[in-house]
PDB file of N, CA and C in Angstrom:
ATOM      1  N   MET A   1      21.873  53.241 -19.004  1.00  0.00           N
ATOM      2  CA  MET A   1      21.790  51.896 -19.506  1.00  0.00           C
ATOM      3  C   MET A   1      20.759  51.876 -20.627  1.00  0.00           C
ATOM      4  N   ALA A   2      21.076  51.240 -21.703  1.00  0.00           N
ATOM      5  CA  ALA A   2      20.206  51.215 -22.878  1.00  0.00           C
ATOM      6  C   ALA A   2      19.547  49.845 -22.998  1.00  0.00           C
ATOM      7  N   TYR A   3      18.288  49.889 -23.388  1.00  0.00           N
ATOM      8  CA  TYR A   3      17.555  48.647 -23.613  1.00  0.00           C
ATOM      9  C   TYR A   3      17.401  48.433 -25.099  1.00  0.00           C
ATOM     10  N   VAL A   4      17.625  47.212 -25.532  1.00  0.00           N
ATOM     11  CA  VAL A   4      17.524  46.893 -26.950  1.00  0.00           C
ATOM     12  C   VAL A   4      16.333  45.965 -27.130  1.00  0.00           C
ATOM     13  N   ALA A   5      15.416  46.347 -27.998  1.00  0.00           N
ATOM     14  CA  ALA A   5      14.248  45.508 -28.285  1.00  0.00           C
ATOM     15  C   ALA A   5      14.666  44.380 -29.198  1.00  0.00           C
ATOM     16  N   LYS A   6      14.387  43.176 -28.775  1.00  0.00           N
ATOM     17  CA  LYS A   6      14.724  42.016 -29.598  1.00  0.00           C
ATOM     18  C   LYS A   6      13.485  41.599 -30.372  1.00  0.00           C
ATOM     19  N   GLY A   7      13.692  41.163 -31.581  1.00  0.00           N
ATOM     20  CA  GLY A   7      12.578  40.729 -32.420  1.00  0.00           C
ATOM     21  C   GLY A   7      11.989  39.418 -31.913  1.00  0.00           C
ATOM     22  N   ASP A   8      10.732  39.176 -32.292  1.00  0.00           N
ATOM     23  CA  ASP A   8      10.083  37.920 -31.907  1.00  0.00           C
ATOM     24  C   ASP A   8      10.747  36.766 -32.627  1.00  0.00           C
ATOM     25  N   LYS A   9      10.989  35.721 -31.904  1.00  0.00           N
ATOM     26  CA  LYS A   9      11.594  34.541 -32.512  1.00  0.00           C
ATOM     27  C   LYS A   9      10.495  33.738 -33.195  1.00  0.00           C
ATOM     28  N   GLU A  10      10.796  33.279 -34.371  1.00  0.00           N
ATOM     29  CA  GLU A  10       9.837  32.454 -35.098  1.00  0.00           C
ATOM     30  C   GLU A  10      10.218  30.994 -34.905  1.00  0.00           C
ATOM     31  N   PHE A  11       9.218  30.184 -34.616  1.00  0.00           N
ATOM     32  CA  PHE A  11       9.460  28.764 -34.410  1.00  0.00           C
ATOM     33  C   PHE A  11       9.142  28.019 -35.698  1.00  0.00           C
ATOM     34  N   GLU A  12       9.960  27.054 -35.980  1.00  0.00           N
ATOM     35  CA  GLU A  12       9.725  26.250 -37.173  1.00  0.00           C
ATOM     36  C   GLU A  12       8.525  25.347 -36.950  1.00  0.00           C
ATOM     37  N   ALA A  13       7.773  25.133 -38.008  1.00  0.00           N
ATOM     38  CA  ALA A  13       6.581  24.293 -37.912  1.00  0.00           C
ATOM     39  C   ALA A  13       6.957  22.838 -37.689  1.00  0.00           C
ATOM     40  N   GLY A  14       8.108  22.416 -38.142  1.00  0.00           N
ATOM     41  CA  GLY A  14       8.520  21.020 -38.031  1.00  0.00           C
ATOM     42  C   GLY A  14       9.197  20.693 -36.713  1.00  0.00           C
ATOM     43  N   ALA A  15       9.404  21.684 -35.855  1.00  0.00           N
ATOM     44  CA  ALA A  15      10.089  21.434 -34.589  1.00  0.00           C
ATOM     45  C   ALA A  15       9.211  20.582 -33.685  1.00  0.00           C
ATOM     46  N   ALA A  16       9.818  19.614 -33.032  1.00  0.00           N
ATOM     47  CA  ALA A  16       9.063  18.706 -32.159  1.00  0.00           C
ATOM     48  C   ALA A  16       8.836  19.376 -30.806  1.00  0.00           C
ATOM     49  N   ALA A  17       7.587  19.536 -30.451  1.00  0.00           N
ATOM     50  CA  ALA A  17       7.244  20.123 -29.156  1.00  0.00           C
ATOM     51  C   ALA A  17       7.097  18.986 -28.147  1.00  0.00           C
ATOM     52  N   ALA A  18       7.465  19.245 -26.924  1.00  0.00           N
ATOM     53  CA  ALA A  18       7.338  18.228 -25.883  1.00  0.00           C
ATOM     54  C   ALA A  18       5.859  17.982 -25.608  1.00  0.00           C
ATOM     55  N   PRO A  19       5.448  16.712 -25.519  1.00  0.00           N
ATOM     56  CA  PRO A  19       4.034  16.434 -25.255  1.00  0.00           C
ATOM     57  C   PRO A  19       3.646  16.933 -23.865  1.00  0.00           C
ATOM     58  N   LYS A  20       2.437  17.475 -23.788  1.00  0.00           N
ATOM     59  CA  LYS A  20       1.959  18.023 -22.525  1.00  0.00           C
ATOM     60  C   LYS A  20       1.648  16.869 -21.567  1.00  0.00           C
ATOM     61  N   SER A  21       2.196  16.951 -20.380  1.00  0.00           N
ATOM     62  CA  SER A  21       1.950  15.871 -19.428  1.00  0.00           C
ATOM     63  C   SER A  21       0.726  16.211 -18.582  1.00  0.00           C
ATOM     64  N   HIS A  22      -0.028  15.188 -18.258  1.00  0.00           N
ATOM     65  CA  HIS A  22      -1.254  15.318 -17.487  1.00  0.00           C
ATOM     66  C   HIS A  22      -1.101  14.590 -16.161  1.00  0.00           C
ATOM     67  N   LYS A  23      -1.876  15.039 -15.183  1.00  0.00           N
ATOM     68  CA  LYS A  23      -1.962  14.293 -13.931  1.00  0.00           C
ATOM     69  C   LYS A  23      -3.109  13.305 -14.089  1.00  0.00           C
ATOM     70  N   ILE A  24      -2.791  12.050 -13.907  1.00  0.00           N
ATOM     71  CA  ILE A  24      -3.767  10.988 -14.120  1.00  0.00           C
ATOM     72  C   ILE A  24      -3.953  10.222 -12.831  1.00  0.00           C
ATOM     73  N   ARG A  25      -5.202  10.050 -12.424  1.00  0.00           N
ATOM     74  CA  ARG A  25      -5.524   9.283 -11.224  1.00  0.00           C
ATOM     75  C   ARG A  25      -6.300   8.041 -11.635  1.00  0.00           C
ATOM     76  N   ILE A  26      -5.765   6.896 -11.265  1.00  0.00           N
ATOM     77  CA  ILE A  26      -6.414   5.612 -11.551  1.00  0.00           C
ATOM     78  C   ILE A  26      -6.961   5.082 -10.233  1.00  0.00           C
ATOM     79  N   THR A  27      -8.274   4.847 -10.192  1.00  0.00           N
ATOM     80  CA  THR A  27      -8.937   4.327  -9.000  1.00  0.00           C
ATOM     81  C   THR A  27      -9.346   2.883  -9.268  1.00  0.00           C
ATOM     82  N   LEU A  28      -8.921   1.982  -8.403  1.00  0.00           N
ATOM     83  CA  LEU A  28      -9.234   0.557  -8.541  1.00  0.00           C
ATOM     84  C   LEU A  28     -10.074   0.116  -7.351  1.00  0.00           C
ATOM     85  N   THR A  29     -11.175  -0.563  -7.607  1.00  0.00           N
ATOM     86  CA  THR A  29     -12.018  -1.090  -6.530  1.00  0.00           C
ATOM     87  C   THR A  29     -12.321  -2.560  -6.796  1.00  0.00           C
ATOM     88  N   SER A  30     -12.398  -3.331  -5.712  1.00  0.00           N
ATOM     89  CA  SER A  30     -12.688  -4.751  -5.845  1.00  0.00           C
ATOM     90  C   SER A  30     -13.066  -5.338  -4.490  1.00  0.00           C
ATOM     91  N   ARG A  31     -13.719  -6.495  -4.534  1.00  0.00           N
ATOM     92  CA  ARG A  31     -13.998  -7.245  -3.304  1.00  0.00           C
ATOM     93  C   ARG A  31     -12.885  -8.245  -3.028  1.00  0.00           C
ATOM     94  N   ASN A  32     -12.092  -8.575  -4.046  1.00  0.00           N
ATOM     95  CA  ASN A  32     -11.029  -9.559  -3.931  1.00  0.00           C
ATOM     96  C   ASN A  32      -9.684  -8.834  -3.813  1.00  0.00           C
ATOM     97  N   VAL A  33      -9.019  -8.961  -2.665  1.00  0.00           N
ATOM     98  CA  VAL A  33      -7.777  -8.233  -2.410  1.00  0.00           C
ATOM     99  C   VAL A  33      -6.639  -8.731  -3.303  1.00  0.00           C
ATOM    100  N   LYS A  34      -6.533 -10.037  -3.503  1.00  0.00           N
ATOM    101  CA  LYS A  34      -5.430 -10.583  -4.302  1.00  0.00           C
ATOM    102  C   LYS A  34      -5.494 -10.087  -5.743  1.00  0.00           C
ATOM    103  N   ALA A  35      -6.686 -10.093  -6.334  1.00  0.00           N
ATOM    104  CA  ALA A  35      -6.837  -9.620  -7.711  1.00  0.00           C
ATOM    105  C   ALA A  35      -6.525  -8.127  -7.802  1.00  0.00           C
ATOM    106  N   LEU A  36      -6.948  -7.373  -6.801  1.00  0.00           N
ATOM    107  CA  LEU A  36      -6.712  -5.930  -6.770  1.00  0.00           C
ATOM    108  C   LEU A  36      -5.217  -5.620  -6.672  1.00  0.00           C
ATOM    109  N   GLU A  37      -4.519  -6.312  -5.802  1.00  0.00           N
ATOM    110  CA  GLU A  37      -3.077  -6.087  -5.641  1.00  0.00           C
ATOM    111  C   GLU A  37      -2.303  -6.499  -6.894  1.00  0.00           C
ATOM    112  N   LYS A  38      -2.759  -7.552  -7.575  1.00  0.00           N
ATOM    113  CA  LYS A  38      -2.094  -7.994  -8.801  1.00  0.00           C
ATOM    114  C   LYS A  38      -2.224  -6.937  -9.886  1.00  0.00           C
ATOM    115  N   VAL A  39      -3.422  -6.375 -10.059  1.00  0.00           N
ATOM    116  CA  VAL A  39      -3.634  -5.332 -11.064  1.00  0.00           C
ATOM    117  C   VAL A  39      -2.816  -4.088 -10.716  1.00  0.00           C
ATOM    118  N   CYS A  40      -2.767  -3.726  -9.425  1.00  0.00           N
ATOM    119  CA  CYS A  40      -1.978  -2.564  -8.984  1.00  0.00           C
ATOM    120  C   CYS A  40      -0.505  -2.747  -9.310  1.00  0.00           C
ATOM    121  N   SER A  41       0.038  -3.912  -8.981  1.00  0.00           N
ATOM    122  CA  SER A  41       1.460  -4.142  -9.226  1.00  0.00           C
ATOM    123  C   SER A  41       1.766  -4.148 -10.724  1.00  0.00           C
ATOM    124  N   ASP A  42       0.853  -4.688 -11.542  1.00  0.00           N
ATOM    125  CA  ASP A  42       1.053  -4.678 -12.991  1.00  0.00           C
ATOM    126  C   ASP A  42       1.056  -3.250 -13.541  1.00  0.00           C
ATOM    127  N   LEU A  43       0.118  -2.425 -13.076  1.00  0.00           N
ATOM    128  CA  LEU A  43       0.051  -1.036 -13.533  1.00  0.00           C
ATOM    129  C   LEU A  43       1.302  -0.252 -13.146  1.00  0.00           C
ATOM    130  N   VAL A  44       1.750  -0.420 -11.910  1.00  0.00           N
ATOM    131  CA  VAL A  44       2.934   0.295 -11.440  1.00  0.00           C
ATOM    132  C   VAL A  44       4.169  -0.175 -12.209  1.00  0.00           C
ATOM    133  N   GLN A  45       4.274  -1.477 -12.455  1.00  0.00           N
ATOM    134  CA  GLN A  45       5.423  -2.015 -13.186  1.00  0.00           C
ATOM    135  C   GLN A  45       5.457  -1.486 -14.615  1.00  0.00           C
ATOM    136  N   ARG A  46       4.297  -1.464 -15.296  1.00  0.00           N
ATOM    137  CA  ARG A  46       4.241  -0.945 -16.668  1.00  0.00           C
ATOM    138  C   ARG A  46       4.580   0.542 -16.707  1.00  0.00           C
ATOM    139  N   SER A  47       4.137   1.288 -15.688  1.00  0.00           N
ATOM    140  CA  SER A  47       4.420   2.725 -15.631  1.00  0.00           C
ATOM    141  C   SER A  47       5.910   2.975 -15.420  1.00  0.00           C
ATOM    142  N   LYS A  48       6.523   2.196 -14.559  1.00  0.00           N
ATOM    143  CA  LYS A  48       7.955   2.370 -14.312  1.00  0.00           C
ATOM    144  C   LYS A  48       8.787   1.961 -15.525  1.00  0.00           C
ATOM    145  N   ASP A  49       8.295   0.993 -16.307  1.00  0.00           N
ATOM    146  CA  ASP A  49       8.991   0.614 -17.536  1.00  0.00           C
ATOM    147  C   ASP A  49       9.004   1.761 -18.542  1.00  0.00           C
ATOM    148  N   LYS A  50       7.962   2.587 -18.531  1.00  0.00           N
ATOM    149  CA  LYS A  50       7.862   3.742 -19.434  1.00  0.00           C
ATOM    150  C   LYS A  50       8.522   4.989 -18.842  1.00  0.00           C
ATOM    151  N   ASP A  51       9.154   4.869 -17.686  1.00  0.00           N
ATOM    152  CA  ASP A  51       9.831   5.983 -16.997  1.00  0.00           C
ATOM    153  C   ASP A  51       8.867   7.119 -16.655  1.00  0.00           C
ATOM    154  N   LEU A  52       7.736   6.779 -16.054  1.00  0.00           N
ATOM    155  CA  LEU A  52       6.760   7.774 -15.621  1.00  0.00           C
ATOM    156  C   LEU A  52       6.857   7.976 -14.114  1.00  0.00           C
ATOM    157  N   ARG A  53       6.418   9.154 -13.658  1.00  0.00           N
ATOM    158  CA  ARG A  53       6.356   9.389 -12.211  1.00  0.00           C
ATOM    159  C   ARG A  53       5.112   8.711 -11.667  1.00  0.00           C
ATOM    160  N   VAL A  54       5.305   7.836 -10.679  1.00  0.00           N
ATOM    161  CA  VAL A  54       4.205   7.055 -10.113  1.00  0.00           C
ATOM    162  C   VAL A  54       4.126   7.320  -8.621  1.00  0.00           C
ATOM    163  N   LYS A  55       2.914   7.570  -8.141  1.00  0.00           N
ATOM    164  CA  LYS A  55       2.665   7.652  -6.705  1.00  0.00           C
ATOM    165  C   LYS A  55       1.602   6.627  -6.373  1.00  0.00           C
ATOM    166  N   GLY A  56       1.942   5.702  -5.515  1.00  0.00           N
ATOM    167  CA  GLY A  56       0.943   4.719  -5.121  1.00  0.00           C
ATOM    168  C   GLY A  56       1.463   3.316  -5.282  1.00  0.00           C
ATOM    169  N   PRO A  57       0.637   2.347  -5.063  1.00  0.00           N
ATOM    170  CA  PRO A  57      -0.790   2.419  -4.772  1.00  0.00           C
ATOM    171  C   PRO A  57      -1.069   2.875  -3.337  1.00  0.00           C
ATOM    172  N   VAL A  58      -2.005   3.800  -3.215  1.00  0.00           N
ATOM    173  CA  VAL A  58      -2.429   4.293  -1.911  1.00  0.00           C
ATOM    174  C   VAL A  58      -3.624   3.454  -1.481  1.00  0.00           C
ATOM    175  N   ARG A  59      -3.526   2.836  -0.325  1.00  0.00           N
ATOM    176  CA  ARG A  59      -4.605   1.981   0.172  1.00  0.00           C
ATOM    177  C   ARG A  59      -5.592   2.825   0.959  1.00  0.00           C
ATOM    178  N   LEU A  60      -6.815   2.917   0.448  1.00  0.00           N
ATOM    179  CA  LEU A  60      -7.863   3.671   1.117  1.00  0.00           C
ATOM    180  C   LEU A  60      -8.582   2.754   2.100  1.00  0.00           C
ATOM    181  N   PRO A  61      -9.296   3.332   3.089  1.00  0.00           N
ATOM    182  CA  PRO A  61      -9.988   2.492   4.070  1.00  0.00           C
ATOM    183  C   PRO A  61     -11.005   1.562   3.409  1.00  0.00           C
ATOM    184  N   THR A  62     -11.084   0.353   3.940  1.00  0.00           N
ATOM    185  CA  THR A  62     -12.007  -0.656   3.423  1.00  0.00           C
ATOM    186  C   THR A  62     -13.426  -0.338   3.870  1.00  0.00           C
ATOM    187  N   LYS A  63     -14.350  -0.358   2.907  1.00  0.00           N
ATOM    188  CA  LYS A  63     -15.756  -0.156   3.252  1.00  0.00           C
ATOM    189  C   LYS A  63     -16.355  -1.515   3.605  1.00  0.00           C
ATOM    190  N   VAL A  64     -17.028  -1.582   4.732  1.00  0.00           N
ATOM    191  CA  VAL A  64     -17.661  -2.826   5.162  1.00  0.00           C
ATOM    192  C   VAL A  64     -19.167  -2.610   5.147  1.00  0.00           C
ATOM    193  N   LEU A  65     -19.851  -3.322   4.241  1.00  0.00           N
ATOM    194  CA  LEU A  65     -21.305  -3.227   4.140  1.00  0.00           C
ATOM    195  C   LEU A  65     -21.897  -4.388   4.923  1.00  0.00           C
ATOM    196  N   LYS A  66     -22.734  -4.078   5.929  1.00  0.00           N
ATOM    197  CA  LYS A  66     -23.286  -5.113   6.804  1.00  0.00           C
ATOM    198  C   LYS A  66     -24.794  -5.172   6.684  1.00  0.00           C
ATOM    199  N   ILE A  67     -25.312  -6.409   6.714  1.00  0.00           N
ATOM    200  CA  ILE A  67     -26.756  -6.642   6.736  1.00  0.00           C
ATOM    201  C   ILE A  67     -27.028  -7.661   7.833  1.00  0.00           C
ATOM    202  N   THR A  68     -27.956  -7.338   8.722  1.00  0.00           N
ATOM    203  CA  THR A  68     -28.384  -8.267   9.764  1.00  0.00           C
ATOM    204  C   THR A  68     -29.834  -8.616   9.485  1.00  0.00           C
ATOM    205  N   THR A  69     -30.146  -9.915   9.393  1.00  0.00           N
ATOM    206  CA  THR A  69     -31.501 -10.345   9.044  1.00  0.00           C
ATOM    207  C   THR A  69     -31.889 -11.569   9.860  1.00  0.00           C
ATOM    208  N   ARG A  70     -33.192 -11.772  10.025  1.00  0.00           N
ATOM    209  CA  ARG A  70     -33.690 -12.948  10.747  1.00  0.00           C
ATOM    210  C   ARG A  70     -33.560 -14.189   9.889  1.00  0.00           C
ATOM    211  N   LYS A  71     -33.246 -15.312  10.513  1.00  0.00           N
ATOM    212  CA  LYS A  71     -33.104 -16.571   9.782  1.00  0.00           C
ATOM    213  C   LYS A  71     -34.465 -17.134   9.369  1.00  0.00           C
ATOM    214  N   THR A  72     -35.456 -16.999  10.243  1.00  0.00           N
ATOM    215  CA  THR A  72     -36.753 -17.600   9.939  1.00  0.00           C
ATOM    216  C   THR A  72     -37.567 -16.665   9.043  1.00  0.00           C
ATOM    217  N   PRO A  73     -38.176 -17.214   7.989  1.00  0.00           N
ATOM    218  CA  PRO A  73     -38.946 -16.356   7.080  1.00  0.00           C
ATOM    219  C   PRO A  73     -40.290 -15.899   7.654  1.00  0.00           C
ATOM    220  N   CYS A  74     -40.878 -16.686   8.579  1.00  0.00           N
ATOM    221  CA  CYS A  74     -42.218 -16.352   9.051  1.00  0.00           C
ATOM    222  C   CYS A  74     -42.217 -15.569  10.360  1.00  0.00           C
ATOM    223  N   GLY A  75     -41.113 -15.531  11.082  1.00  0.00           N
ATOM    224  CA  GLY A  75     -41.063 -14.799  12.341  1.00  0.00           C
ATOM    225  C   GLY A  75     -41.346 -15.667  13.558  1.00  0.00           C
ATOM    226  N   GLU A  76     -41.704 -16.936  13.352  1.00  0.00           N
ATOM    227  CA  GLU A  76     -41.961 -17.854  14.467  1.00  0.00           C
ATOM    228  C   GLU A  76     -40.661 -18.489  14.925  1.00  0.00           C
ATOM    229  N   GLY A  77     -40.669 -19.109  16.087  1.00  0.00           N
ATOM    230  CA  GLY A  77     -39.507 -19.839  16.576  1.00  0.00           C
ATOM    231  C   GLY A  77     -38.538 -18.931  17.307  1.00  0.00           C
ATOM    232  N   SER A  78     -37.363 -19.492  17.572  1.00  0.00           N
ATOM    233  CA  SER A  78     -36.360 -18.725  18.329  1.00  0.00           C
ATOM    234  C   SER A  78     -35.836 -17.585  17.456  1.00  0.00           C
ATOM    235  N   LYS A  79     -35.463 -16.533  18.127  1.00  0.00           N
ATOM    236  CA  LYS A  79     -35.012 -15.346  17.407  1.00  0.00           C
ATOM    237  C   LYS A  79     -33.521 -15.476  17.083  1.00  0.00           C
ATOM    238  N   THR A  80     -33.232 -16.081  15.918  1.00  0.00           N
ATOM    239  CA  THR A  80     -31.850 -16.227  15.472  1.00  0.00           C
ATOM    240  C   THR A  80     -31.617 -15.281  14.302  1.00  0.00           C
ATOM    241  N   TRP A  81     -30.387 -14.775  14.224  1.00  0.00           N
ATOM    242  CA  TRP A  81     -30.057 -13.751  13.255  1.00  0.00           C
ATOM    243  C   TRP A  81     -28.870 -14.180  12.400  1.00  0.00           C
ATOM    244  N   ASP A  82     -28.877 -13.760  11.137  1.00  0.00           N
ATOM    245  CA  ASP A  82     -27.730 -13.921  10.240  1.00  0.00           C
ATOM    246  C   ASP A  82     -27.047 -12.566  10.106  1.00  0.00           C
ATOM    247  N   HIS A  83     -25.716 -12.569  10.154  1.00  0.00           N
ATOM    248  CA  HIS A  83     -24.936 -11.343   9.965  1.00  0.00           C
ATOM    249  C   HIS A  83     -24.120 -11.520   8.692  1.00  0.00           C
ATOM    250  N   LEU A  84     -24.421 -10.723   7.671  1.00  0.00           N
ATOM    251  CA  LEU A  84     -23.714 -10.799   6.395  1.00  0.00           C
ATOM    252  C   LEU A  84     -22.924  -9.517   6.195  1.00  0.00           C
ATOM    253  N   GLU A  85     -21.743  -9.635   5.607  1.00  0.00           N
ATOM    254  CA  GLU A  85     -20.971  -8.431   5.314  1.00  0.00           C
ATOM    255  C   GLU A  85     -20.187  -8.612   4.020  1.00  0.00           C
ATOM    256  N   MET A  86     -19.971  -7.495   3.345  1.00  0.00           N
ATOM    257  CA  MET A  86     -19.186  -7.471   2.123  1.00  0.00           C
ATOM    258  C   MET A  86     -18.153  -6.354   2.266  1.00  0.00           C
ATOM    259  N   LYS A  87     -16.887  -6.688   2.010  1.00  0.00           N
ATOM    260  CA  LYS A  87     -15.809  -5.705   2.128  1.00  0.00           C
ATOM    261  C   LYS A  87     -15.415  -5.225   0.734  1.00  0.00           C
ATOM    262  N   ILE A  88     -15.301  -3.902   0.590  1.00  0.00           N
ATOM    263  CA  ILE A  88     -14.900  -3.305  -0.679  1.00  0.00           C
ATOM    264  C   ILE A  88     -13.564  -2.603  -0.463  1.00  0.00           C
ATOM    265  N   HIS A  89     -12.541  -3.049  -1.193  1.00  0.00           N
ATOM    266  CA  HIS A  89     -11.188  -2.509  -1.076  1.00  0.00           C
ATOM    267  C   HIS A  89     -10.955  -1.528  -2.211  1.00  0.00           C
ATOM    268  N   LYS A  90     -10.184  -0.463  -1.937  1.00  0.00           N
ATOM    269  CA  LYS A  90      -9.965   0.583  -2.917  1.00  0.00           C
ATOM    270  C   LYS A  90      -8.502   1.012  -2.912  1.00  0.00           C
ATOM    271  N   ARG A  91      -7.938   1.244  -4.120  1.00  0.00           N
ATOM    272  CA  ARG A  91      -6.557   1.694  -4.271  1.00  0.00           C
ATOM    273  C   ARG A  91      -6.518   2.873  -5.237  1.00  0.00           C
ATOM    274  N   LEU A  92      -5.590   3.811  -4.982  1.00  0.00           N
ATOM    275  CA  LEU A  92      -5.366   4.957  -5.869  1.00  0.00           C
ATOM    276  C   LEU A  92      -3.942   4.905  -6.404  1.00  0.00           C
ATOM    277  N   ILE A  93      -3.791   5.202  -7.689  1.00  0.00           N
ATOM    278  CA  ILE A  93      -2.470   5.324  -8.297  1.00  0.00           C
ATOM    279  C   ILE A  93      -2.464   6.637  -9.065  1.00  0.00           C
ATOM    280  N   ASP A  94      -1.478   7.503  -8.780  1.00  0.00           N
ATOM    281  CA  ASP A  94      -1.329   8.781  -9.470  1.00  0.00           C
ATOM    282  C   ASP A  94      -0.144   8.701 -10.422  1.00  0.00           C
ATOM    283  N   LEU A  95      -0.363   9.150 -11.675  1.00  0.00           N
ATOM    284  CA  LEU A  95       0.671   9.166 -12.692  1.00  0.00           C
ATOM    285  C   LEU A  95       0.820  10.577 -13.246  1.00  0.00           C
ATOM    286  N   THR A  96       2.007  10.907 -13.719  1.00  0.00           N
ATOM    287  CA  THR A  96       2.225  12.144 -14.460  1.00  0.00           C
ATOM    288  C   THR A  96       2.814  11.744 -15.801  1.00  0.00           C
ATOM    289  N   SER A  97       1.995  11.867 -16.862  1.00  0.00           N
ATOM    290  CA  SER A  97       2.438  11.411 -18.173  1.00  0.00           C
ATOM    291  C   SER A  97       1.535  11.994 -19.255  1.00  0.00           C
ATOM    292  N   PRO A  98       1.942  11.867 -20.532  1.00  0.00           N
ATOM    293  CA  PRO A  98       1.064  12.251 -21.633  1.00  0.00           C
ATOM    294  C   PRO A  98      -0.141  11.316 -21.715  1.00  0.00           C
ATOM    295  N   ALA A  99      -1.240  11.813 -22.263  1.00  0.00           N
ATOM    296  CA  ALA A  99      -2.478  11.024 -22.313  1.00  0.00           C
ATOM    297  C   ALA A  99      -2.337   9.789 -23.201  1.00  0.00           C
ATOM    298  N   GLU A 100      -1.500   9.872 -24.249  1.00  0.00           N
ATOM    299  CA  GLU A 100      -1.353   8.730 -25.166  1.00  0.00           C
ATOM    300  C   GLU A 100      -0.703   7.543 -24.465  1.00  0.00           C
ATOM    301  N   VAL A 101       0.212   7.830 -23.546  1.00  0.00           N
ATOM    302  CA  VAL A 101       0.947   6.761 -22.860  1.00  0.00           C
ATOM    303  C   VAL A 101       0.020   5.981 -21.926  1.00  0.00           C
ATOM    304  N   VAL A 102      -0.974   6.667 -21.366  1.00  0.00           N
ATOM    305  CA  VAL A 102      -1.893   5.994 -20.432  1.00  0.00           C
ATOM    306  C   VAL A 102      -2.677   4.905 -21.145  1.00  0.00           C
ATOM    307  N   LYS A 103      -3.043   5.136 -22.396  1.00  0.00           N
ATOM    308  CA  LYS A 103      -3.761   4.111 -23.152  1.00  0.00           C
ATOM    309  C   LYS A 103      -2.910   2.856 -23.289  1.00  0.00           C
ATOM    310  N   GLN A 104      -1.614   3.037 -23.506  1.00  0.00           N
ATOM    311  CA  GLN A 104      -0.725   1.887 -23.639  1.00  0.00           C
ATOM    312  C   GLN A 104      -0.592   1.139 -22.322  1.00  0.00           C
ATOM    313  N   ILE A 105      -0.565   1.883 -21.214  1.00  0.00           N
ATOM    314  CA  ILE A 105      -0.395   1.248 -19.904  1.00  0.00           C
ATOM    315  C   ILE A 105      -1.647   0.482 -19.502  1.00  0.00           C
ATOM    316  N   THR A 106      -2.821   1.102 -19.713  1.00  0.00           N
ATOM    317  CA  THR A 106      -4.066   0.487 -19.242  1.00  0.00           C
ATOM    318  C   THR A 106      -4.638  -0.528 -20.223  1.00  0.00           C
ATOM    319  N   SER A 107      -3.980  -0.744 -21.365  1.00  0.00           N
ATOM    320  CA  SER A 107      -4.492  -1.726 -22.329  1.00  0.00           C
ATOM    321  C   SER A 107      -3.963  -3.116 -21.992  1.00  0.00           C
ATOM    322  N   MET A 108      -4.131  -3.522 -20.756  1.00  0.00           N
ATOM    323  CA  MET A 108      -3.695  -4.846 -20.322  1.00  0.00           C
ATOM    324  C   MET A 108      -4.917  -5.618 -19.849  1.00  0.00           C
ATOM    325  N   SER A 109      -4.746  -6.912 -19.699  1.00  0.00           N
ATOM    326  CA  SER A 109      -5.860  -7.724 -19.217  1.00  0.00           C
ATOM    327  C   SER A 109      -6.042  -7.475 -17.714  1.00  0.00           C
ATOM    328  N   ILE A 110      -7.261  -7.145 -17.339  1.00  0.00           N
ATOM    329  CA  ILE A 110      -7.560  -6.831 -15.942  1.00  0.00           C
ATOM    330  C   ILE A 110      -8.312  -8.011 -15.343  1.00  0.00           C
ATOM    331  N   GLU A 111      -7.968  -8.338 -14.113  1.00  0.00           N
ATOM    332  CA  GLU A 111      -8.598  -9.456 -13.416  1.00  0.00           C
ATOM    333  C   GLU A 111     -10.119  -9.248 -13.336  1.00  0.00           C
ATOM    334  N   PRO A 112     -10.907 -10.315 -13.409  1.00  0.00           N
ATOM    335  CA  PRO A 112     -12.356 -10.150 -13.265  1.00  0.00           C
ATOM    336  C   PRO A 112     -12.709  -9.716 -11.851  1.00  0.00           C
ATOM    337  N   GLY A 113     -13.662  -8.817 -11.742  1.00  0.00           N
ATOM    338  CA  GLY A 113     -14.090  -8.316 -10.441  1.00  0.00           C
ATOM    339  C   GLY A 113     -13.382  -7.049 -10.004  1.00  0.00           C
ATOM    340  N   VAL A 114     -12.431  -6.552 -10.808  1.00  0.00           N
ATOM    341  CA  VAL A 114     -11.720  -5.317 -10.484  1.00  0.00           C
ATOM    342  C   VAL A 114     -12.240  -4.209 -11.387  1.00  0.00           C
ATOM    343  N   GLU A 115     -12.715  -3.124 -10.777  1.00  0.00           N
ATOM    344  CA  GLU A 115     -13.217  -1.986 -11.549  1.00  0.00           C
ATOM    345  C   GLU A 115     -12.137  -0.928 -11.624  1.00  0.00           C
ATOM    346  N   VAL A 116     -11.941  -0.357 -12.809  1.00  0.00           N
ATOM    347  CA  VAL A 116     -10.909   0.639 -13.027  1.00  0.00           C
ATOM    348  C   VAL A 116     -11.575   1.942 -13.475  1.00  0.00           C
ATOM    349  N   GLU A 117     -11.205   3.053 -12.822  1.00  0.00           N
ATOM    350  CA  GLU A 117     -11.705   4.362 -13.202  1.00  0.00           C
ATOM    351  C   GLU A 117     -10.502   5.267 -13.423  1.00  0.00           C
ATOM    352  N   VAL A 118     -10.410   5.870 -14.624  1.00  0.00           N
ATOM    353  CA  VAL A 118      -9.287   6.733 -14.963  1.00  0.00           C
ATOM    354  C   VAL A 118      -9.779   8.171 -15.058  1.00  0.00           C
ATOM    355  N   THR A 119      -9.137   9.072 -14.289  1.00  0.00           N
ATOM    356  CA  THR A 119      -9.474  10.489 -14.296  1.00  0.00           C
ATOM    357  C   THR A 119      -8.245  11.260 -14.761  1.00  0.00           C
ATOM    358  N   ILE A 120      -8.432  12.103 -15.785  1.00  0.00           N
ATOM    359  CA  ILE A 120      -7.326  12.888 -16.314  1.00  0.00           C
ATOM    360  C   ILE A 120      -7.559  14.356 -15.988  1.00  0.00           C
ATOM    361  N   ALA A 121      -6.585  14.968 -15.317  1.00  0.00           N
ATOM    362  CA  ALA A 121      -6.636  16.394 -14.995  1.00  0.00           C
ATOM    363  C   ALA A 121      -5.595  17.109 -15.838  1.00  0.00           C
ATOM    364  N   ALA A 122      -5.820  18.380 -16.083  1.00  0.00           N
ATOM    365  CA  ALA A 122      -4.880  19.161 -16.896  1.00  0.00           C
ATOM    366  C   ALA A 122      -3.654  19.421 -16.111  1.00  0.00           C
TER     367      ALA A 122
END
């Protein structure tokens, strides 16, 4: 059996190369569940309109920050206590898309009180 060496193929400079897709993780945190869910649904809807692969929103466990303190400032009187708590809700959305498309998706008005963190992996 004979092997034939083939020459290197030359690519044209004007040929359109497919844009490199990245794994993008969007982390959303908020104290207000309704605002958080609205932003999540908007992001997922915009991503699906662009025909991107979307995973999520993944609901992470709620962090509950608790503080117990005495009601009386001086320490006199009956021992009554205040129990305060703040709940922090978190959602993850994973996308697979080019980096330029993410700018278009995330350039929307975000509800006040919702923090958005975008992480791009190769």
